[in-house]
Amino acid sequence: LPLVPADARTVLDLGCGDGAFGAMVQSLTGALVTGIESNREAALTASHRLHRVLADDLATVRLMERFDVVTALDILEHLPDPEAALQRIRDEWLVPGGTLITSLPNSGHWSVVGDLLGGRCTPLPSGVLCITHRRLFTPQSAAQWLESHGFLVRSEHPVRSTVPHRSQRLCVRPNPMEWTSHGNPWPRSSACT
């Protein structure tokens, strides 16, 4: 939660699952969390925890409001068109100057590289080499990918886990140069934390 700006009043949690993360955000920050979850059973559970939940697909969901923060935790790498999702986040869902917090798998982690050097590359049910991942990232490629889609990476935080493969959590904001109609609401050197 340290990446959620203290003044955030509204949060959109993409792939909110059962709403556990969003409920923690609401409890600790007072922000109203809206979740989107394609699994209807998980969405039903989340609906008892969050301000609002939409049981819908990210590619087709329609939202009428914008949010101070959008979280996409361990979701973008699973999407058939993550670039379209980034465009929607930037152009439709974030307020100008808003924050995207995303968690992406680090396929450059020593354990993955060690397996590759040892001749092993076995898809797994979870972790960095999850069979449902459509994209792989390293910290550098993740930052380049986000920046190529109009975001500025403000901070990067390794996620410590008991699972041997690590993720990275990135705090990004839309690139002010892409938002010329809104001026430059954030200085280039500011951080989300």
C-alpha atoms as a PDB file:
ATOM      1  CA  LEU A   1       0.000   0.000   0.000  1.00  0.00           C
ATOM      2  CA  PRO A   2       2.848   2.484   0.192  1.00  0.00           C
ATOM      3  CA  LEU A   3       2.484   3.068  -3.556  1.00  0.00           C
ATOM      4  CA  VAL A   4      -1.129   4.274  -3.251  1.00  0.00           C
ATOM      5  CA  PRO A   5      -0.920   8.079  -3.015  1.00  0.00           C
ATOM      6  CA  ALA A   6      -2.209   9.392   0.314  1.00  0.00           C
ATOM      7  CA  ASP A   7      -4.656  11.734  -1.414  1.00  0.00           C
ATOM      8  CA  ALA A   8      -6.244   9.013  -3.592  1.00  0.00           C
ATOM      9  CA  ARG A   9     -10.017   9.020  -3.178  1.00  0.00           C
ATOM     10  CA  THR A  10     -10.932   6.549  -5.927  1.00  0.00           C
ATOM     11  CA  VAL A  11      -9.208   3.339  -7.008  1.00  0.00           C
ATOM     12  CA  LEU A  12      -9.970   0.977  -9.880  1.00  0.00           C
ATOM     13  CA  ASP A  13      -8.669  -2.552  -9.222  1.00  0.00           C
ATOM     14  CA  LEU A  14      -8.382  -4.514 -12.479  1.00  0.00           C
ATOM     15  CA  GLY A  15      -8.777  -8.257 -11.990  1.00  0.00           C
ATOM     16  CA  CYS A  16      -9.797  -7.677  -8.375  1.00  0.00           C
ATOM     17  CA  GLY A  17     -10.342 -11.371  -7.622  1.00  0.00           C
ATOM     18  CA  ASP A  18     -12.212 -11.811  -4.344  1.00  0.00           C
ATOM     19  CA  GLY A  19     -11.575  -8.171  -3.390  1.00  0.00           C
ATOM     20  CA  ALA A  20      -9.054  -8.817  -0.598  1.00  0.00           C
ATOM     21  CA  PHE A  21      -6.503  -6.259  -1.851  1.00  0.00           C
ATOM     22  CA  GLY A  22      -9.163  -3.629  -2.583  1.00  0.00           C
ATOM     23  CA  ALA A  23     -10.736  -4.127   0.836  1.00  0.00           C
ATOM     24  CA  MET A  24      -7.349  -3.508   2.442  1.00  0.00           C
ATOM     25  CA  VAL A  25      -6.913  -0.335   0.359  1.00  0.00           C
ATOM     26  CA  GLN A  26     -10.366   0.892   1.402  1.00  0.00           C
ATOM     27  CA  SER A  27      -9.729   0.101   5.059  1.00  0.00           C
ATOM     28  CA  LEU A  28      -6.299   1.724   5.265  1.00  0.00           C
ATOM     29  CA  THR A  29      -6.773   4.738   2.974  1.00  0.00           C
ATOM     30  CA  GLY A  30     -10.501   5.451   2.987  1.00  0.00           C
ATOM     31  CA  ALA A  31     -10.502   5.438  -0.830  1.00  0.00           C
ATOM     32  CA  LEU A  32     -13.517   4.005  -2.626  1.00  0.00           C
ATOM     33  CA  VAL A  33     -12.437   0.931  -4.589  1.00  0.00           C
ATOM     34  CA  THR A  34     -14.204  -0.254  -7.733  1.00  0.00           C
ATOM     35  CA  GLY A  35     -13.205  -3.710  -8.896  1.00  0.00           C
ATOM     36  CA  ILE A  36     -13.465  -5.400 -12.278  1.00  0.00           C
ATOM     37  CA  GLU A  37     -13.388  -9.193 -12.252  1.00  0.00           C
ATOM     38  CA  SER A  38     -14.289 -11.579 -15.086  1.00  0.00           C
ATOM     39  CA  ASN A  39     -14.794 -14.578 -12.779  1.00  0.00           C
ATOM     40  CA  ARG A  40     -18.384 -14.170 -11.624  1.00  0.00           C
ATOM     41  CA  GLU A  41     -17.962 -16.197  -8.438  1.00  0.00           C
ATOM     42  CA  ALA A  42     -14.948 -14.139  -7.362  1.00  0.00           C
ATOM     43  CA  ALA A  43     -16.784 -10.935  -8.351  1.00  0.00           C
ATOM     44  CA  LEU A  44     -19.701 -11.902  -6.108  1.00  0.00           C
ATOM     45  CA  THR A  45     -17.350 -12.347  -3.146  1.00  0.00           C
ATOM     46  CA  ALA A  46     -15.627  -9.047  -3.968  1.00  0.00           C
ATOM     47  CA  SER A  47     -18.995  -7.267  -4.143  1.00  0.00           C
ATOM     48  CA  HIS A  48     -19.371  -7.784  -0.388  1.00  0.00           C
ATOM     49  CA  ARG A  49     -15.990  -6.146   0.262  1.00  0.00           C
ATOM     50  CA  LEU A  50     -15.623  -3.303  -2.229  1.00  0.00           C
ATOM     51  CA  HIS A  51     -17.511  -0.104  -2.949  1.00  0.00           C
ATOM     52  CA  ARG A  52     -18.520  -1.436  -6.371  1.00  0.00           C
ATOM     53  CA  VAL A  53     -17.696  -4.490  -8.490  1.00  0.00           C
ATOM     54  CA  LEU A  54     -18.307  -5.111 -12.173  1.00  0.00           C
ATOM     55  CA  ALA A  55     -18.367  -8.752 -13.284  1.00  0.00           C
ATOM     56  CA  ASP A  56     -17.069  -8.039 -16.755  1.00  0.00           C
ATOM     57  CA  ASP A  57     -14.171  -8.407 -19.175  1.00  0.00           C
ATOM     58  CA  LEU A  58     -11.499  -5.688 -19.247  1.00  0.00           C
ATOM     59  CA  ALA A  59     -11.669  -5.472 -23.025  1.00  0.00           C
ATOM     60  CA  THR A  60     -15.386  -4.667 -23.107  1.00  0.00           C
ATOM     61  CA  VAL A  61     -16.286  -3.058 -19.771  1.00  0.00           C
ATOM     62  CA  ARG A  62     -17.628   0.489 -19.963  1.00  0.00           C
ATOM     63  CA  LEU A  63     -16.967   2.924 -17.142  1.00  0.00           C
ATOM     64  CA  MET A  64     -18.362   6.430 -16.970  1.00  0.00           C
ATOM     65  CA  GLU A  65     -15.922   7.771 -14.368  1.00  0.00           C
ATOM     66  CA  ARG A  66     -12.169   8.180 -14.005  1.00  0.00           C
ATOM     67  CA  PHE A  67     -10.047   7.145 -11.035  1.00  0.00           C
ATOM     68  CA  ASP A  68      -7.137   8.595  -9.070  1.00  0.00           C
ATOM     69  CA  VAL A  69      -5.399   5.216  -9.072  1.00  0.00           C
ATOM     70  CA  VAL A  70      -5.673   2.117 -11.261  1.00  0.00           C
ATOM     71  CA  THR A  71      -4.138  -1.107 -10.003  1.00  0.00           C
ATOM     72  CA  ALA A  72      -3.264  -3.920 -12.394  1.00  0.00           C
ATOM     73  CA  LEU A  73      -1.563  -6.443 -10.132  1.00  0.00           C
ATOM     74  CA  ASP A  74      -0.404  -9.591 -11.892  1.00  0.00           C
ATOM     75  CA  ILE A  75      -2.983  -9.143 -14.651  1.00  0.00           C
ATOM     76  CA  LEU A  76      -1.484  -7.426 -17.714  1.00  0.00           C
ATOM     77  CA  GLU A  77       0.756 -10.385 -18.619  1.00  0.00           C
ATOM     78  CA  HIS A  78      -2.338 -12.609 -18.870  1.00  0.00           C
ATOM     79  CA  LEU A  79      -4.336 -10.417 -21.268  1.00  0.00           C
ATOM     80  CA  PRO A  80      -4.623 -11.172 -24.992  1.00  0.00           C
ATOM     81  CA  ASP A  81      -4.092  -7.462 -25.750  1.00  0.00           C
ATOM     82  CA  PRO A  82      -2.286  -5.760 -22.856  1.00  0.00           C
ATOM     83  CA  GLU A  83      -1.455  -2.767 -25.058  1.00  0.00           C
ATOM     84  CA  ALA A  84      -5.165  -2.027 -25.494  1.00  0.00           C
ATOM     85  CA  ALA A  85      -5.593  -2.307 -21.721  1.00  0.00           C
ATOM     86  CA  LEU A  86      -2.791   0.220 -21.152  1.00  0.00           C
ATOM     87  CA  GLN A  87      -4.394   2.596 -23.630  1.00  0.00           C
ATOM     88  CA  ARG A  88      -7.766   2.319 -21.856  1.00  0.00           C
ATOM     89  CA  ILE A  89      -6.119   2.845 -18.479  1.00  0.00           C
ATOM     90  CA  ARG A  90      -4.382   5.992 -19.718  1.00  0.00           C
ATOM     91  CA  ASP A  91      -7.087   7.441 -21.956  1.00  0.00           C
ATOM     92  CA  GLU A  92     -10.334   6.369 -20.253  1.00  0.00           C
ATOM     93  CA  TRP A  93      -9.842   5.325 -16.637  1.00  0.00           C
ATOM     94  CA  LEU A  94      -7.126   7.494 -15.023  1.00  0.00           C
ATOM     95  CA  VAL A  95      -7.689  11.103 -14.084  1.00  0.00           C
ATOM     96  CA  PRO A  96      -5.008  13.453 -15.450  1.00  0.00           C
ATOM     97  CA  GLY A  97      -2.064  13.056 -13.102  1.00  0.00           C
ATOM     98  CA  GLY A  98      -3.407   9.731 -11.835  1.00  0.00           C
ATOM     99  CA  THR A  99      -1.291   6.727 -10.900  1.00  0.00           C
ATOM    100  CA  LEU A 100      -1.100   3.231 -12.359  1.00  0.00           C
ATOM    101  CA  ILE A 101       0.297   0.615  -9.992  1.00  0.00           C
ATOM    102  CA  THR A 102       1.135  -2.611 -11.743  1.00  0.00           C
ATOM    103  CA  SER A 103       2.852  -5.822 -10.772  1.00  0.00           C
ATOM    104  CA  LEU A 104       4.587  -7.719 -13.560  1.00  0.00           C
ATOM    105  CA  PRO A 105       6.541 -10.976 -13.427  1.00  0.00           C
ATOM    106  CA  ASN A 106      10.321 -10.670 -13.648  1.00  0.00           C
ATOM    107  CA  SER A 107      11.445 -13.312 -16.135  1.00  0.00           C
ATOM    108  CA  GLY A 108      15.005 -12.080 -15.618  1.00  0.00           C
ATOM    109  CA  HIS A 109      15.031 -13.347 -12.033  1.00  0.00           C
ATOM    110  CA  TRP A 110      18.084 -15.486 -11.214  1.00  0.00           C
ATOM    111  CA  SER A 111      15.954 -18.591 -10.662  1.00  0.00           C
ATOM    112  CA  VAL A 112      14.445 -18.384 -14.162  1.00  0.00           C
ATOM    113  CA  VAL A 113      17.798 -17.623 -15.778  1.00  0.00           C
ATOM    114  CA  GLY A 114      19.369 -20.481 -13.807  1.00  0.00           C
ATOM    115  CA  ASP A 115      16.720 -22.884 -15.069  1.00  0.00           C
ATOM    116  CA  LEU A 116      17.264 -21.717 -18.647  1.00  0.00           C
ATOM    117  CA  LEU A 117      21.036 -22.093 -18.348  1.00  0.00           C
ATOM    118  CA  GLY A 118      20.435 -25.575 -16.957  1.00  0.00           C
ATOM    119  CA  GLY A 119      18.315 -26.484 -19.977  1.00  0.00           C
ATOM    120  CA  ARG A 120      14.992 -26.300 -18.121  1.00  0.00           C
ATOM    121  CA  CYS A 121      12.028 -24.226 -19.245  1.00  0.00           C
ATOM    122  CA  THR A 122       8.943 -25.849 -17.797  1.00  0.00           C
ATOM    123  CA  PRO A 123       5.677 -23.891 -17.813  1.00  0.00           C
ATOM    124  CA  LEU A 124       4.114 -23.944 -14.350  1.00  0.00           C
ATOM    125  CA  PRO A 125       0.588 -23.415 -12.992  1.00  0.00           C
ATOM    126  CA  SER A 126       1.782 -20.231 -11.250  1.00  0.00           C
ATOM    127  CA  GLY A 127       4.830 -18.002 -10.957  1.00  0.00           C
ATOM    128  CA  VAL A 128       6.903 -16.238 -13.593  1.00  0.00           C
ATOM    129  CA  LEU A 129       6.621 -19.096 -16.095  1.00  0.00           C
ATOM    130  CA  CYS A 130       2.875 -19.518 -15.566  1.00  0.00           C
ATOM    131  CA  ILE A 131       1.239 -21.302 -18.490  1.00  0.00           C
ATOM    132  CA  THR A 132      -1.283 -18.455 -18.824  1.00  0.00           C
ATOM    133  CA  HIS A 133       1.312 -15.691 -19.270  1.00  0.00           C
ATOM    134  CA  ARG A 134       1.213 -14.228 -22.760  1.00  0.00           C
ATOM    135  CA  ARG A 135       4.115 -11.827 -22.130  1.00  0.00           C
ATOM    136  CA  LEU A 136       7.382 -12.017 -20.266  1.00  0.00           C
ATOM    137  CA  PHE A 137       9.162  -9.026 -18.732  1.00  0.00           C
ATOM    138  CA  THR A 138      12.425  -8.019 -17.127  1.00  0.00           C
ATOM    139  CA  PRO A 139      12.590  -4.834 -15.056  1.00  0.00           C
ATOM    140  CA  GLN A 140      14.128  -2.997 -18.028  1.00  0.00           C
ATOM    141  CA  SER A 141      11.687  -4.332 -20.640  1.00  0.00           C
ATOM    142  CA  ALA A 142       8.704  -3.606 -18.354  1.00  0.00           C
ATOM    143  CA  ALA A 143       9.777   0.016 -17.925  1.00  0.00           C
ATOM    144  CA  GLN A 144      10.416   0.402 -21.673  1.00  0.00           C
ATOM    145  CA  TRP A 145       7.055  -1.193 -22.492  1.00  0.00           C
ATOM    146  CA  LEU A 146       5.158   1.103 -20.126  1.00  0.00           C
ATOM    147  CA  GLU A 147       7.014   4.179 -21.360  1.00  0.00           C
ATOM    148  CA  SER A 148       6.334   3.227 -24.991  1.00  0.00           C
ATOM    149  CA  HIS A 149       2.633   3.375 -24.125  1.00  0.00           C
ATOM    150  CA  GLY A 150       2.739   6.870 -22.660  1.00  0.00           C
ATOM    151  CA  PHE A 151       3.610   6.233 -19.004  1.00  0.00           C
ATOM    152  CA  LEU A 152       6.530   7.443 -16.912  1.00  0.00           C
ATOM    153  CA  VAL A 153       7.895   4.957 -14.398  1.00  0.00           C
ATOM    154  CA  ARG A 154       8.139   6.813 -11.091  1.00  0.00           C
ATOM    155  CA  SER A 155       9.380   3.983  -8.927  1.00  0.00           C
ATOM    156  CA  GLU A 156      10.062   0.273  -9.003  1.00  0.00           C
ATOM    157  CA  HIS A 157       9.828  -2.053  -6.029  1.00  0.00           C
ATOM    158  CA  PRO A 158      10.788  -5.738  -6.033  1.00  0.00           C
ATOM    159  CA  VAL A 159       8.065  -7.869  -4.483  1.00  0.00           C
ATOM    160  CA  ARG A 160       9.458 -10.329  -1.968  1.00  0.00           C
ATOM    161  CA  SER A 161       7.722 -13.681  -2.066  1.00  0.00           C
ATOM    162  CA  THR A 162       8.088 -17.212  -0.761  1.00  0.00           C
ATOM    163  CA  VAL A 163       7.658 -18.325  -4.368  1.00  0.00           C
ATOM    164  CA  PRO A 164      11.133 -18.505  -5.919  1.00  0.00           C
ATOM    165  CA  HIS A 165      10.170 -16.322  -8.887  1.00  0.00           C
ATOM    166  CA  ARG A 166       9.870 -12.649  -8.079  1.00  0.00           C
ATOM    167  CA  SER A 167       7.647  -9.933  -9.453  1.00  0.00           C
ATOM    168  CA  GLN A 168       8.252  -6.243  -9.683  1.00  0.00           C
ATOM    169  CA  ARG A 169       5.752  -3.594  -8.711  1.00  0.00           C
ATOM    170  CA  LEU A 170       5.914  -0.425 -10.753  1.00  0.00           C
ATOM    171  CA  CYS A 171       4.370   2.911  -9.965  1.00  0.00           C
ATOM    172  CA  VAL A 172       3.760   4.884 -13.135  1.00  0.00           C
ATOM    173  CA  ARG A 173       1.915   7.941 -14.298  1.00  0.00           C
ATOM    174  CA  PRO A 174       0.848   8.948 -17.786  1.00  0.00           C
ATOM    175  CA  ASN A 175       3.620  10.796 -19.584  1.00  0.00           C
ATOM    176  CA  PRO A 176       2.855  14.535 -19.470  1.00  0.00           C
ATOM    177  CA  MET A 177       4.004  14.851 -23.073  1.00  0.00           C
ATOM    178  CA  GLU A 178       1.114  12.582 -24.042  1.00  0.00           C
ATOM    179  CA  TRP A 179      -1.308  14.798 -22.107  1.00  0.00           C
ATOM    180  CA  THR A 180      -0.534  18.129 -23.738  1.00  0.00           C
ATOM    181  CA  SER A 181      -4.143  19.266 -23.404  1.00  0.00           C
ATOM    182  CA  HIS A 182      -3.780  18.950 -19.625  1.00  0.00           C
ATOM    183  CA  GLY A 183      -0.430  20.718 -19.370  1.00  0.00           C
ATOM    184  CA  ASN A 184       2.220  19.188 -17.140  1.00  0.00           C
ATOM    185  CA  PRO A 185       0.496  18.515 -13.795  1.00  0.00           C
ATOM    186  CA  TRP A 186       3.449  16.574 -12.380  1.00  0.00           C
ATOM    187  CA  PRO A 187       7.133  17.357 -12.347  1.00  0.00           C
ATOM    188  CA  ARG A 188       9.333  14.752 -14.029  1.00  0.00           C
ATOM    189  CA  SER A 189      11.275  14.084 -10.832  1.00  0.00           C
ATOM    190  CA  SER A 190       8.346  13.398  -8.500  1.00  0.00           C
ATOM    191  CA  ALA A 191       7.737   9.916  -7.112  1.00  0.00           C
ATOM    192  CA  CYS A 192       4.568   8.085  -6.202  1.00  0.00           C
ATOM    193  CA  THR A 193       5.764   6.999  -2.780  1.00  0.00           C
END
